[in-house]
């Protein structure tokens, strides 16, 4: 039903079925992965009203919802670099889904991560994606509001404080640079 292509590697179709609604791919040497593309193979569509959330599990660090697939959105590309690192702690909101944890293992020097799929009603998928978006936006606003405040008035800002377009442009460039270099991982770390 699903395919996976890690940038620079061969196409993976060796999907492991965990149970009726969960499946996974093992991603060996995950610390070297930058991007991954997931897609429906086209041979078996989702039942009407169903889709799948896509999860990334890093052993010992937790998991994160990356996005979703459906019959209307049969493929997606995700940037994984900086999502997890061997030195970081799991960010708040990350969990360890039991359906995917038993398949993860580590070997000397290499980390085998798990790319998991949870087939669910589209309403449940949409709710998880909305929660993911809200968490990302809240992290972005709280992390970067402090940076703007420091540039405008080191003593703090009030509701009537003015922010020049130059400060907003500088913040935007900094934000986009962090996003290009490390994906959304900096939001969870509060940088």
N, C-alpha and C. Protein backbone atom coordinates (compact mmCIF):
# COMPACT_ATOMS: atom_id res chain seq x y z
N UNK A 1 0.82 -1.20 0.00
CA UNK A 1 0.00 0.00 0.00
C UNK A 1 0.86 1.27 0.00
N UNK A 2 1.99 1.28 0.79
CA UNK A 2 2.85 2.45 0.90
C UNK A 2 4.23 2.19 0.31
N UNK A 3 4.85 3.25 -0.16
CA UNK A 3 6.24 3.22 -0.59
C UNK A 3 6.99 4.31 0.12
N UNK A 4 8.30 4.16 0.20
CA UNK A 4 9.13 5.13 0.89
C UNK A 4 10.43 5.29 0.11
N UNK A 5 10.84 6.53 -0.09
CA UNK A 5 12.10 6.78 -0.76
C UNK A 5 12.89 7.79 0.08
N UNK A 6 13.99 7.33 0.66
CA UNK A 6 14.90 8.20 1.38
C UNK A 6 15.84 8.78 0.33
N UNK A 7 16.02 10.09 0.35
CA UNK A 7 16.87 10.73 -0.65
C UNK A 7 18.24 10.08 -0.69
N UNK A 8 18.68 9.70 -1.90
CA UNK A 8 19.98 9.09 -2.08
C UNK A 8 20.01 7.59 -1.86
N UNK A 9 18.85 6.97 -1.65
CA UNK A 9 18.79 5.52 -1.41
C UNK A 9 17.78 4.89 -2.36
N UNK A 10 17.79 3.57 -2.42
CA UNK A 10 16.83 2.85 -3.24
C UNK A 10 15.42 2.97 -2.67
N UNK A 11 14.45 2.83 -3.53
CA UNK A 11 13.03 2.83 -3.15
C UNK A 11 12.76 1.67 -2.20
N UNK A 12 12.00 1.93 -1.12
CA UNK A 12 11.63 0.88 -0.18
C UNK A 12 10.16 0.54 -0.36
N UNK A 13 9.88 -0.74 -0.54
CA UNK A 13 8.51 -1.24 -0.56
C UNK A 13 8.34 -2.37 0.44
N UNK A 14 9.33 -2.55 1.31
CA UNK A 14 9.32 -3.63 2.31
C UNK A 14 8.56 -3.20 3.57
N UNK A 15 7.33 -2.81 3.39
CA UNK A 15 6.48 -2.35 4.48
C UNK A 15 6.23 -3.50 5.46
N UNK A 16 6.38 -3.22 6.76
CA UNK A 16 6.10 -4.21 7.79
C UNK A 16 4.75 -3.89 8.43
N UNK A 17 3.84 -4.83 8.37
CA UNK A 17 2.51 -4.65 8.97
C UNK A 17 2.61 -4.92 10.47
N UNK A 18 2.21 -3.94 11.29
CA UNK A 18 2.26 -4.08 12.75
C UNK A 18 0.94 -4.66 13.24
N UNK A 19 -0.15 -4.11 12.77
CA UNK A 19 -1.50 -4.62 13.05
C UNK A 19 -2.40 -4.13 11.92
N UNK A 20 -3.72 -4.22 12.10
CA UNK A 20 -4.64 -3.87 11.01
C UNK A 20 -4.55 -2.41 10.59
N UNK A 21 -4.14 -1.52 11.49
CA UNK A 21 -4.15 -0.09 11.18
C UNK A 21 -2.77 0.57 11.26
N UNK A 22 -1.72 -0.20 11.53
CA UNK A 22 -0.37 0.36 11.65
C UNK A 22 0.62 -0.43 10.80
N UNK A 23 1.50 0.32 10.14
CA UNK A 23 2.56 -0.28 9.34
C UNK A 23 3.80 0.60 9.47
N UNK A 24 4.97 0.06 9.09
CA UNK A 24 6.19 0.85 9.24
C UNK A 24 7.26 0.43 8.26
N UNK A 25 8.18 1.36 8.07
CA UNK A 25 9.44 1.12 7.37
C UNK A 25 10.55 1.37 8.36
N UNK A 26 11.58 0.54 8.34
CA UNK A 26 12.78 0.82 9.12
C UNK A 26 13.69 1.68 8.25
N UNK A 27 14.28 2.69 8.87
CA UNK A 27 15.20 3.59 8.17
C UNK A 27 16.58 3.43 8.81
N UNK A 28 17.43 2.55 8.24
CA UNK A 28 18.77 2.36 8.81
C UNK A 28 19.65 3.60 8.58
N UNK A 29 20.64 3.76 9.43
CA UNK A 29 21.57 4.91 9.36
C UNK A 29 20.78 6.21 9.25
N UNK A 30 19.79 6.35 10.11
CA UNK A 30 18.87 7.50 10.05
C UNK A 30 19.56 8.82 10.31
N UNK A 31 20.68 8.80 11.01
CA UNK A 31 21.37 10.05 11.30
C UNK A 31 21.90 10.71 10.02
N UNK A 32 21.94 9.98 8.91
CA UNK A 32 22.42 10.51 7.64
C UNK A 32 21.28 10.95 6.72
N UNK A 33 20.04 10.82 7.17
CA UNK A 33 18.88 11.10 6.31
C UNK A 33 18.52 12.58 6.38
N UNK A 34 18.31 13.17 5.22
CA UNK A 34 17.84 14.56 5.14
C UNK A 34 16.35 14.63 4.82
N UNK A 35 15.95 13.95 3.76
CA UNK A 35 14.56 14.01 3.30
C UNK A 35 14.04 12.60 3.05
N UNK A 36 12.72 12.45 3.19
CA UNK A 36 12.07 11.19 2.87
C UNK A 36 10.76 11.50 2.14
N UNK A 37 10.48 10.70 1.14
CA UNK A 37 9.23 10.82 0.38
C UNK A 37 8.41 9.57 0.68
N UNK A 38 7.15 9.76 1.01
CA UNK A 38 6.24 8.64 1.24
C UNK A 38 5.08 8.77 0.27
N UNK A 39 4.52 7.64 -0.13
CA UNK A 39 3.47 7.69 -1.14
C UNK A 39 2.65 6.41 -1.12
N UNK A 40 1.45 6.51 -1.66
CA UNK A 40 0.62 5.33 -1.89
C UNK A 40 1.11 4.70 -3.18
N UNK A 41 1.21 3.39 -3.21
CA UNK A 41 1.68 2.71 -4.41
C UNK A 41 0.65 2.75 -5.53
N UNK A 42 -0.60 2.99 -5.20
CA UNK A 42 -1.65 3.03 -6.21
C UNK A 42 -2.35 1.71 -6.42
N UNK A 43 -1.85 0.67 -5.79
CA UNK A 43 -2.46 -0.65 -5.96
C UNK A 43 -3.64 -0.86 -5.02
N UNK A 44 -3.59 -0.25 -3.83
CA UNK A 44 -4.65 -0.38 -2.84
C UNK A 44 -4.97 1.01 -2.29
N UNK A 45 -6.12 1.57 -2.66
CA UNK A 45 -6.47 2.88 -2.10
C UNK A 45 -6.99 2.73 -0.67
N UNK A 46 -7.04 3.86 0.04
CA UNK A 46 -7.67 3.85 1.36
C UNK A 46 -9.16 3.59 1.20
N UNK A 47 -9.78 2.96 2.19
CA UNK A 47 -11.25 2.87 2.17
C UNK A 47 -11.84 4.28 2.21
N UNK A 48 -13.02 4.45 1.69
CA UNK A 48 -13.69 5.75 1.68
C UNK A 48 -13.72 6.34 3.09
N UNK A 49 -13.28 7.60 3.22
CA UNK A 49 -13.31 8.29 4.50
C UNK A 49 -12.10 8.01 5.39
N UNK A 50 -11.07 7.35 4.86
CA UNK A 50 -9.88 7.02 5.64
C UNK A 50 -8.63 7.64 5.01
N UNK A 51 -7.62 7.81 5.84
CA UNK A 51 -6.31 8.30 5.43
C UNK A 51 -5.29 7.76 6.42
N UNK A 52 -4.08 8.30 6.39
CA UNK A 52 -3.05 7.84 7.32
C UNK A 52 -2.23 9.02 7.80
N UNK A 53 -1.89 8.99 9.08
CA UNK A 53 -0.90 9.93 9.60
C UNK A 53 0.47 9.26 9.45
N UNK A 54 1.48 10.09 9.20
CA UNK A 54 2.84 9.61 9.01
C UNK A 54 3.63 10.04 10.25
N UNK A 55 4.29 9.07 10.90
CA UNK A 55 5.03 9.32 12.14
C UNK A 55 6.50 8.99 11.94
N UNK A 56 7.36 9.72 12.62
CA UNK A 56 8.80 9.44 12.60
C UNK A 56 9.22 9.15 14.04
N UNK A 57 9.77 7.96 14.28
CA UNK A 57 10.19 7.53 15.61
C UNK A 57 11.70 7.39 15.65
N UNK A 58 12.32 8.09 16.60
CA UNK A 58 13.77 8.01 16.82
C UNK A 58 13.97 7.29 18.15
N UNK A 59 14.62 6.12 18.18
CA UNK A 59 14.76 5.36 19.42
C UNK A 59 15.33 6.20 20.57
N UNK A 60 14.64 6.16 21.69
CA UNK A 60 15.08 6.87 22.88
C UNK A 60 14.75 8.35 22.87
N UNK A 61 14.23 8.87 21.78
CA UNK A 61 13.93 10.30 21.69
C UNK A 61 12.46 10.59 21.47
N UNK A 62 11.65 9.60 21.19
CA UNK A 62 10.23 9.83 20.99
C UNK A 62 9.86 9.84 19.52
N UNK A 63 8.64 10.25 19.27
CA UNK A 63 8.16 10.29 17.90
C UNK A 63 7.44 11.59 17.62
N UNK A 64 7.22 11.83 16.35
CA UNK A 64 6.61 13.07 15.93
C UNK A 64 5.72 12.78 14.72
N UNK A 65 4.55 13.40 14.68
CA UNK A 65 3.71 13.32 13.50
C UNK A 65 4.33 14.23 12.44
N UNK A 66 4.58 13.69 11.26
CA UNK A 66 5.15 14.48 10.18
C UNK A 66 4.08 15.08 9.27
N UNK A 67 3.04 14.30 9.03
CA UNK A 67 2.01 14.75 8.10
C UNK A 67 1.02 13.65 7.84
N UNK A 68 0.44 13.66 6.64
CA UNK A 68 -0.61 12.70 6.33
C UNK A 68 -0.62 12.33 4.86
N UNK A 69 -1.30 11.21 4.58
CA UNK A 69 -1.58 10.76 3.22
C UNK A 69 -3.05 10.42 3.13
N UNK A 70 -3.63 10.59 1.95
CA UNK A 70 -5.01 10.20 1.70
C UNK A 70 -5.13 9.88 0.21
N UNK A 71 -6.30 9.43 -0.21
CA UNK A 71 -6.51 9.19 -1.63
C UNK A 71 -6.38 10.49 -2.42
N UNK A 72 -6.74 11.61 -1.80
CA UNK A 72 -6.65 12.91 -2.46
C UNK A 72 -5.24 13.50 -2.38
N UNK A 73 -4.43 13.07 -1.42
CA UNK A 73 -3.04 13.52 -1.24
C UNK A 73 -2.17 12.27 -1.09
N UNK A 74 -1.86 11.61 -2.22
CA UNK A 74 -1.21 10.30 -2.15
C UNK A 74 0.30 10.31 -1.94
N UNK A 75 0.92 11.50 -1.80
CA UNK A 75 2.36 11.52 -1.56
C UNK A 75 2.75 12.77 -0.77
N UNK A 76 3.92 12.69 -0.13
CA UNK A 76 4.43 13.83 0.63
C UNK A 76 5.94 13.68 0.79
N UNK A 77 6.63 14.82 0.89
CA UNK A 77 8.06 14.83 1.15
C UNK A 77 8.28 15.54 2.49
N UNK A 78 9.08 14.93 3.35
CA UNK A 78 9.35 15.50 4.67
C UNK A 78 10.84 15.69 4.86
N UNK A 79 11.21 16.80 5.47
CA UNK A 79 12.60 17.06 5.83
C UNK A 79 12.79 16.51 7.25
N UNK A 80 13.73 15.60 7.40
CA UNK A 80 13.96 14.96 8.70
C UNK A 80 15.18 15.51 9.43
N UNK A 81 16.12 16.06 8.70
CA UNK A 81 17.35 16.56 9.34
C UNK A 81 16.97 17.58 10.41
N UNK A 82 17.55 17.46 11.58
CA UNK A 82 17.31 18.32 12.74
C UNK A 82 15.97 18.06 13.42
N UNK A 83 15.18 17.10 12.91
CA UNK A 83 13.96 16.74 13.62
C UNK A 83 14.32 16.12 14.95
N UNK A 84 15.32 15.25 14.93
CA UNK A 84 15.87 14.64 16.13
C UNK A 84 17.38 14.67 16.00
N UNK A 85 18.06 14.74 17.11
CA UNK A 85 19.51 14.58 17.08
C UNK A 85 19.90 13.70 18.25
N UNK A 86 21.03 13.10 18.16
CA UNK A 86 21.45 12.17 19.21
C UNK A 86 21.70 12.86 20.54
N UNK A 87 21.82 14.20 20.55
CA UNK A 87 22.10 14.91 21.79
C UNK A 87 20.89 15.60 22.37
N UNK A 88 19.79 15.65 21.65
CA UNK A 88 18.64 16.41 22.13
C UNK A 88 17.67 15.54 22.89
N UNK A 89 16.86 16.19 23.71
CA UNK A 89 15.78 15.50 24.41
C UNK A 89 14.51 15.66 23.60
N UNK A 90 13.53 14.78 23.77
CA UNK A 90 12.30 14.93 23.03
C UNK A 90 11.61 16.24 23.40
N UNK A 91 11.06 16.87 22.40
CA UNK A 91 10.33 18.12 22.65
C UNK A 91 8.98 17.81 23.24
N UNK A 92 8.40 18.79 23.89
CA UNK A 92 7.08 18.57 24.46
C UNK A 92 6.10 18.28 23.34
N UNK A 93 5.11 17.45 23.63
CA UNK A 93 4.14 17.07 22.63
C UNK A 93 4.55 15.82 21.86
N UNK A 94 5.75 15.34 22.07
CA UNK A 94 6.18 14.13 21.39
C UNK A 94 5.84 12.94 22.27
N UNK A 95 5.49 11.86 21.61
CA UNK A 95 5.14 10.67 22.35
C UNK A 95 5.82 9.47 21.72
N UNK A 96 5.59 8.33 22.29
CA UNK A 96 6.16 7.11 21.75
C UNK A 96 5.03 6.13 21.47
N UNK A 97 4.49 6.12 20.24
CA UNK A 97 3.39 5.22 19.95
C UNK A 97 3.82 3.77 20.08
N UNK A 98 3.09 2.99 20.85
CA UNK A 98 3.46 1.61 21.10
C UNK A 98 3.44 0.77 19.83
N UNK A 99 2.68 1.16 18.84
CA UNK A 99 2.62 0.38 17.61
C UNK A 99 3.94 0.38 16.87
N UNK A 100 4.79 1.40 17.08
CA UNK A 100 6.03 1.51 16.32
C UNK A 100 7.28 1.22 17.13
N UNK A 101 7.21 1.26 18.46
CA UNK A 101 8.42 1.21 19.27
C UNK A 101 9.12 -0.13 19.25
N UNK A 102 8.40 -1.21 19.14
CA UNK A 102 9.04 -2.52 19.24
C UNK A 102 9.93 -2.83 18.03
N UNK A 103 9.73 -2.13 16.92
CA UNK A 103 10.51 -2.42 15.72
C UNK A 103 11.83 -1.67 15.69
N UNK A 104 12.00 -0.67 16.53
CA UNK A 104 13.21 0.16 16.50
C UNK A 104 14.35 -0.53 17.22
N UNK A 105 15.54 -0.40 16.65
CA UNK A 105 16.72 -0.94 17.30
C UNK A 105 17.90 -0.06 16.95
N UNK A 106 18.93 -0.13 17.76
CA UNK A 106 20.13 0.62 17.45
C UNK A 106 21.30 -0.33 17.36
N UNK A 107 22.25 0.01 16.53
CA UNK A 107 23.47 -0.76 16.43
C UNK A 107 24.61 0.21 16.66
N UNK A 108 25.79 -0.28 16.79
CA UNK A 108 26.94 0.56 17.09
C UNK A 108 27.10 1.62 16.00
N UNK A 109 26.98 2.89 16.39
CA UNK A 109 27.21 3.99 15.48
C UNK A 109 26.04 4.37 14.60
N UNK A 110 25.16 3.45 14.26
CA UNK A 110 24.02 3.75 13.39
C UNK A 110 22.72 3.68 14.18
N UNK A 111 21.81 4.56 13.82
CA UNK A 111 20.48 4.57 14.42
C UNK A 111 19.49 4.09 13.38
N UNK A 112 18.66 3.13 13.74
CA UNK A 112 17.58 2.70 12.88
C UNK A 112 16.31 3.36 13.38
N UNK A 113 15.82 4.30 12.59
CA UNK A 113 14.58 5.01 12.93
C UNK A 113 13.41 4.30 12.27
N UNK A 114 12.23 4.70 12.67
CA UNK A 114 11.01 4.09 12.15
C UNK A 114 10.14 5.16 11.51
N UNK A 115 9.68 4.89 10.31
CA UNK A 115 8.70 5.72 9.64
C UNK A 115 7.40 4.95 9.70
N UNK A 116 6.46 5.43 10.51
CA UNK A 116 5.24 4.69 10.76
C UNK A 116 4.02 5.32 10.11
N UNK A 117 3.03 4.48 9.85
CA UNK A 117 1.76 4.91 9.27
C UNK A 117 0.63 4.40 10.14
N UNK A 118 -0.31 5.27 10.47
CA UNK A 118 -1.49 4.88 11.24
C UNK A 118 -2.71 5.18 10.39
N UNK A 119 -3.41 4.16 9.94
CA UNK A 119 -4.61 4.33 9.12
C UNK A 119 -5.77 4.63 10.04
N UNK A 120 -6.42 5.77 9.79
CA UNK A 120 -7.49 6.26 10.67
C UNK A 120 -8.56 6.97 9.85
N UNK A 121 -9.73 7.20 10.44
CA UNK A 121 -10.73 8.02 9.75
C UNK A 121 -10.16 9.41 9.47
N UNK A 122 -10.55 10.01 8.35
CA UNK A 122 -10.03 11.31 7.96
C UNK A 122 -10.25 12.38 9.02
N UNK A 123 -11.32 12.28 9.81
CA UNK A 123 -11.57 13.26 10.87
C UNK A 123 -10.45 13.20 11.92
N UNK A 124 -10.02 11.99 12.28
CA UNK A 124 -8.94 11.83 13.26
C UNK A 124 -7.61 12.31 12.67
N UNK A 125 -7.39 12.03 11.40
CA UNK A 125 -6.17 12.48 10.73
C UNK A 125 -6.13 14.01 10.71
N UNK A 126 -7.25 14.62 10.32
CA UNK A 126 -7.32 16.09 10.26
C UNK A 126 -7.09 16.71 11.63
N UNK A 127 -7.61 16.10 12.69
CA UNK A 127 -7.42 16.63 14.05
C UNK A 127 -5.95 16.59 14.45
N UNK A 128 -5.25 15.51 14.11
CA UNK A 128 -3.83 15.42 14.45
C UNK A 128 -3.00 16.43 13.66
N UNK A 129 -3.33 16.64 12.40
CA UNK A 129 -2.60 17.60 11.57
C UNK A 129 -2.88 19.01 12.07
N UNK A 130 -4.11 19.30 12.48
CA UNK A 130 -4.44 20.62 13.02
C UNK A 130 -3.67 20.86 14.32
N UNK A 131 -3.56 19.84 15.17
CA UNK A 131 -2.81 19.98 16.42
C UNK A 131 -1.33 20.21 16.12
N UNK A 132 -0.80 19.51 15.11
CA UNK A 132 0.60 19.69 14.71
C UNK A 132 0.83 21.12 14.23
N UNK A 133 -0.07 21.64 13.43
CA UNK A 133 0.06 23.00 12.92
C UNK A 133 -0.02 24.02 14.04
N UNK A 134 -0.93 23.83 14.97
CA UNK A 134 -1.09 24.75 16.09
C UNK A 134 0.17 24.75 16.95
N UNK A 135 0.71 23.57 17.23
CA UNK A 135 1.94 23.47 18.03
C UNK A 135 3.10 24.19 17.34
N UNK A 136 3.22 23.99 16.03
CA UNK A 136 4.31 24.64 15.28
C UNK A 136 4.15 26.15 15.30
N UNK A 137 2.95 26.64 15.09
CA UNK A 137 2.72 28.09 15.09
C UNK A 137 2.98 28.68 16.47
N UNK A 138 2.48 28.04 17.52
CA UNK A 138 2.72 28.54 18.88
C UNK A 138 4.21 28.57 19.21
N UNK A 139 4.93 27.52 18.82
CA UNK A 139 6.37 27.48 19.07
C UNK A 139 7.07 28.60 18.32
N UNK A 140 6.67 28.80 17.07
CA UNK A 140 7.27 29.84 16.25
C UNK A 140 7.04 31.22 16.87
N UNK A 141 5.82 31.48 17.27
CA UNK A 141 5.51 32.80 17.82
C UNK A 141 6.21 33.04 19.15
N UNK A 142 6.22 32.06 20.03
CA UNK A 142 6.85 32.28 21.34
C UNK A 142 8.37 32.40 21.22
N UNK A 143 8.98 31.58 20.37
CA UNK A 143 10.43 31.64 20.22
C UNK A 143 10.88 32.93 19.56
N UNK A 144 10.15 33.36 18.55
CA UNK A 144 10.61 34.52 17.79
C UNK A 144 10.09 35.84 18.33
N UNK A 145 9.04 35.83 19.14
CA UNK A 145 8.58 37.09 19.74
C UNK A 145 9.64 37.64 20.68
N UNK A 146 10.33 36.76 21.38
CA UNK A 146 11.38 37.24 22.29
C UNK A 146 12.54 37.85 21.51
N UNK A 147 12.84 37.30 20.34
CA UNK A 147 13.92 37.86 19.52
C UNK A 147 13.56 39.26 19.03
N UNK A 148 12.31 39.46 18.62
CA UNK A 148 11.87 40.78 18.17
C UNK A 148 11.89 41.76 19.34
N UNK A 149 11.43 41.33 20.51
CA UNK A 149 11.42 42.19 21.69
C UNK A 149 12.81 42.69 22.02
N UNK A 150 13.80 41.80 21.96
CA UNK A 150 15.17 42.20 22.27
C UNK A 150 15.69 43.23 21.28
N UNK A 151 15.27 43.15 20.01
CA UNK A 151 15.72 44.10 19.02
C UNK A 151 15.04 45.45 19.16
N UNK A 152 13.78 45.46 19.62
CA UNK A 152 13.02 46.70 19.71
C UNK A 152 13.33 47.44 21.01
N UNK A 153 13.17 46.73 22.13
CA UNK A 153 13.36 47.36 23.44
C UNK A 153 13.84 46.31 24.42
N UNK A 154 15.12 46.35 24.78
CA UNK A 154 15.65 45.34 25.70
C UNK A 154 14.89 45.28 27.03
N UNK A 155 14.21 46.34 27.40
CA UNK A 155 13.45 46.37 28.64
C UNK A 155 12.10 45.70 28.54
N UNK A 156 11.66 45.39 27.35
CA UNK A 156 10.37 44.72 27.17
C UNK A 156 9.43 45.54 26.30
N UNK A 157 8.41 44.91 25.80
CA UNK A 157 7.42 45.57 24.94
C UNK A 157 6.07 45.53 25.61
N UNK A 158 5.26 46.53 25.33
CA UNK A 158 3.88 46.57 25.79
C UNK A 158 2.95 46.52 24.60
N UNK A 159 1.64 46.54 24.86
CA UNK A 159 0.67 46.46 23.78
C UNK A 159 0.75 47.63 22.80
N UNK A 160 1.26 48.76 23.24
CA UNK A 160 1.33 49.95 22.39
C UNK A 160 2.69 50.12 21.73
N UNK A 161 3.61 49.21 21.92
CA UNK A 161 4.96 49.34 21.35
C UNK A 161 4.90 49.24 19.83
N UNK A 162 5.76 50.00 19.17
CA UNK A 162 5.83 50.01 17.71
C UNK A 162 7.04 49.16 17.29
N UNK A 163 6.87 48.41 16.22
CA UNK A 163 7.94 47.60 15.67
C UNK A 163 8.18 48.06 14.24
N UNK A 164 9.42 48.43 13.93
CA UNK A 164 9.71 48.92 12.58
C UNK A 164 9.72 47.76 11.59
N UNK A 165 9.47 48.07 10.33
CA UNK A 165 9.48 47.06 9.28
C UNK A 165 10.88 46.43 9.14
N UNK A 166 11.93 47.21 9.43
CA UNK A 166 13.29 46.68 9.36
C UNK A 166 13.50 45.55 10.35
N UNK A 167 12.95 45.69 11.57
CA UNK A 167 13.07 44.64 12.59
C UNK A 167 12.28 43.40 12.16
N UNK A 168 11.09 43.62 11.61
CA UNK A 168 10.28 42.49 11.14
C UNK A 168 10.98 41.79 9.99
N UNK A 169 11.57 42.54 9.06
CA UNK A 169 12.29 41.95 7.94
C UNK A 169 13.49 41.14 8.44
N UNK A 170 14.22 41.68 9.42
CA UNK A 170 15.38 40.98 9.98
C UNK A 170 14.94 39.68 10.66
N UNK A 171 13.83 39.74 11.42
CA UNK A 171 13.29 38.55 12.07
C UNK A 171 12.89 37.52 11.02
N UNK A 172 12.20 37.96 9.96
CA UNK A 172 11.74 37.06 8.92
C UNK A 172 12.91 36.36 8.24
N UNK A 173 13.95 37.10 7.90
CA UNK A 173 15.13 36.51 7.27
C UNK A 173 15.79 35.48 8.20
N UNK A 174 15.90 35.82 9.48
CA UNK A 174 16.48 34.89 10.45
C UNK A 174 15.63 33.62 10.56
N UNK A 175 14.32 33.80 10.63
CA UNK A 175 13.40 32.67 10.74
C UNK A 175 13.51 31.77 9.51
N UNK A 176 13.48 32.35 8.32
CA UNK A 176 13.55 31.57 7.09
C UNK A 176 14.90 30.86 6.97
N UNK A 177 15.98 31.50 7.41
CA UNK A 177 17.29 30.88 7.38
C UNK A 177 17.32 29.64 8.28
N UNK A 178 16.78 29.76 9.49
CA UNK A 178 16.72 28.61 10.41
C UNK A 178 15.88 27.50 9.80
N UNK A 179 14.76 27.86 9.16
CA UNK A 179 13.87 26.89 8.55
C UNK A 179 14.56 26.15 7.41
N UNK A 180 15.29 26.88 6.56
CA UNK A 180 16.01 26.26 5.45
C UNK A 180 17.12 25.34 5.94
N UNK A 181 17.83 25.75 6.96
CA UNK A 181 18.98 24.99 7.45
C UNK A 181 18.56 23.77 8.26
N UNK A 182 17.58 23.93 9.14
CA UNK A 182 17.28 22.85 10.07
C UNK A 182 15.84 22.39 10.12
N UNK A 183 15.00 22.80 9.18
CA UNK A 183 13.60 22.42 9.24
C UNK A 183 12.94 23.03 10.47
N UNK A 184 11.90 22.41 10.96
CA UNK A 184 11.17 22.94 12.11
C UNK A 184 11.76 22.50 13.44
N UNK A 185 12.84 21.74 13.44
CA UNK A 185 13.44 21.24 14.68
C UNK A 185 13.79 22.36 15.65
N UNK A 186 14.20 23.53 15.15
CA UNK A 186 14.57 24.63 16.05
C UNK A 186 13.37 25.15 16.84
N UNK A 187 12.16 24.96 16.33
CA UNK A 187 10.97 25.41 17.06
C UNK A 187 10.76 24.60 18.33
N UNK A 188 10.93 23.28 18.21
CA UNK A 188 10.77 22.42 19.39
C UNK A 188 11.86 22.66 20.42
N UNK A 189 13.07 23.02 19.95
CA UNK A 189 14.18 23.28 20.86
C UNK A 189 14.12 24.66 21.48
N UNK A 190 13.21 25.54 20.99
CA UNK A 190 13.04 26.87 21.55
C UNK A 190 14.17 27.82 21.19
N UNK A 191 14.79 27.63 20.02
CA UNK A 191 15.89 28.52 19.61
C UNK A 191 15.35 29.80 19.00
